[in-house]
Amino acid sequence: HIKEEKEESEFLPSSGGTFNISVSGDIDGLITQALLTGNFESAVDLCLHDNRMADAIILAIAGGQELLARTQKKYFAKSQSKITR
């Protein structure tokens, strides 16, 4: 059992390493802050404001069906390609 536990722990990151998350005042930092607090709606709105449509859709999926539907509606309203029409 001890050998198995040692082998499993080799795949885990070391506890001495640091993990930094950027929460600066730029758009990426604001999106990160929204995600850290679980505020997917704000994160999606920030992405839409910055014209990051793919990011907005991915985050909306994580935020639930209602948020996804609203985000898709906004996406299609902004997009004017033949495919989206």
Protein backbone atom coordinates (compact mmCIF):
# COMPACT_ATOMS: atom_id res chain seq x y z
CA HIS A 1 0.00 0.00 0.00
CA ILE A 2 2.78 2.42 0.85
CA LYS A 3 4.41 1.93 -2.55
CA GLU A 4 1.10 2.65 -4.33
CA GLU A 5 0.59 5.87 -2.35
CA LYS A 6 4.11 7.02 -3.19
CA GLU A 7 3.57 6.39 -6.90
CA GLU A 8 0.29 8.35 -6.87
CA SER A 9 1.87 11.30 -5.08
CA GLU A 10 4.57 11.57 -7.74
CA PHE A 11 1.94 12.74 -10.21
CA LEU A 12 0.63 15.50 -7.93
CA PRO A 13 2.17 18.98 -8.05
CA SER A 14 4.56 19.67 -5.21
CA SER A 15 3.09 21.51 -2.27
CA GLY A 16 6.10 23.84 -2.22
CA GLY A 17 5.29 25.31 -5.66
CA THR A 18 3.39 28.55 -6.01
CA PHE A 19 0.24 29.10 -8.01
CA ASN A 20 -0.39 32.65 -9.10
CA ILE A 21 -3.58 33.99 -10.63
CA SER A 22 -3.44 37.38 -12.31
CA VAL A 23 -6.17 39.70 -11.09
CA SER A 24 -4.91 42.92 -12.65
CA GLY A 25 -7.14 45.79 -13.72
CA ASP A 26 -7.02 44.90 -17.42
CA ILE A 27 -9.80 42.97 -19.16
CA ASP A 28 -8.18 39.57 -18.50
CA GLY A 29 -7.81 40.39 -14.81
CA LEU A 30 -11.44 41.53 -14.58
CA ILE A 31 -12.63 38.32 -16.26
CA THR A 32 -10.48 36.30 -13.86
CA GLN A 33 -11.94 38.14 -10.86
CA ALA A 34 -15.47 37.43 -12.08
CA LEU A 35 -14.68 33.75 -12.56
CA LEU A 36 -13.02 33.44 -9.15
CA THR A 37 -16.22 34.69 -7.53
CA GLY A 38 -18.39 32.42 -9.70
CA ASN A 39 -19.94 35.35 -11.54
CA PHE A 40 -20.18 33.81 -15.01
CA GLU A 41 -22.63 36.45 -16.21
CA SER A 42 -20.16 39.30 -15.58
CA ALA A 43 -17.34 37.29 -17.15
CA VAL A 44 -19.48 36.70 -20.25
CA ASP A 45 -20.45 40.39 -20.44
CA LEU A 46 -16.77 41.39 -20.24
CA CYS A 47 -15.91 38.96 -23.03
CA LEU A 48 -18.74 40.28 -25.21
CA HIS A 49 -17.64 43.86 -24.55
CA ASP A 50 -14.10 42.92 -25.67
CA ASN A 51 -15.50 41.08 -28.75
CA ARG A 52 -14.20 37.72 -27.47
CA MET A 53 -17.12 35.69 -28.75
CA ALA A 54 -15.61 32.21 -28.39
CA ASP A 55 -14.63 32.91 -24.77
CA ALA A 56 -18.11 34.29 -24.07
CA ILE A 57 -19.81 31.16 -25.44
CA ILE A 58 -17.52 28.78 -23.50
CA LEU A 59 -18.07 30.65 -20.24
CA ALA A 60 -21.82 30.85 -20.88
CA ILE A 61 -21.93 27.06 -21.23
CA ALA A 62 -20.36 26.79 -17.77
CA GLY A 63 -22.83 29.36 -16.46
CA GLY A 64 -25.94 27.40 -17.37
CA GLN A 65 -28.61 27.10 -20.04
CA GLU A 66 -30.25 30.48 -19.42
CA LEU A 67 -26.94 32.37 -19.67
CA LEU A 68 -26.01 30.39 -22.77
CA ALA A 69 -29.32 31.27 -24.48
CA ARG A 70 -28.88 34.99 -23.71
CA THR A 71 -25.26 34.91 -24.90
CA GLN A 72 -26.18 33.14 -28.14
CA LYS A 73 -28.88 35.75 -28.79
CA LYS A 74 -26.33 38.56 -28.30
CA TYR A 75 -23.82 36.73 -30.49
CA PHE A 76 -26.26 36.31 -33.36
CA ALA A 77 -27.36 39.96 -33.04
CA LYS A 78 -23.74 41.10 -33.43
CA SER A 79 -22.76 38.65 -36.14
CA GLN A 80 -23.80 39.48 -39.68
CA SER A 81 -22.37 36.56 -41.66
CA LYS A 82 -24.46 34.48 -44.08
CA ILE A 83 -24.14 31.42 -41.85
CA THR A 84 -25.46 33.11 -38.69
CA ARG A 85 -28.42 34.67 -40.52
